[in-house]
Amino acid sequence: MPDAGAEDLEREAFTSPETVVLSPLPCWKHLPSEVQKARVAEVFREIEEETVARRKRTGARPFGRAAVLKQNPLERPKRIKKSPAPLFHAATRRMRDDLRAAYFEFVAAFREAAEKLRAGILPVVFPAGSFPPALPFVGG
């Protein structure tokens, strides 16, 4: 059995000190630090309350230390979610629907401008942030 000193040396061979610098969220940067701390605490409290409510609703329970340590990190999940990823990840359904509507509006405007360009109608205005398709090569 190796002595404690050897174990410490082995552990040190695979560790390095790291410094974490915390910065205020940009949207709260103008607030005094005490107000920022209070808001962070409020966000944590809301997350905890939502989690407790969800666990009561679903009956889900956290694993706990022993169950986590018992897992094999190389084991594949029994079920893999097969549904496609959403077009947008958003905080709320309404926000996701708004993003989706804006995207479809952008695509429609782009296609309309591309059709005009193909038909030779100039000048054509493409939506901001888009790249017009290349025109066909005309040999001399």
Foldseek 3Di string as FASTA:
>chain_A
DDDPVVVVVVVVVPDDDDDDDDDQDPVCNPPPPVVSVVVVVVVVVVVVVVVVVVCVVVVDDDQDDVSVVPDDPPDDDPDDDDDDDQPDDDPDPVVSVVVVVVVVVLVVQLVVQQVCVQVVNPDGDHDPPDDHDDDDDDDD
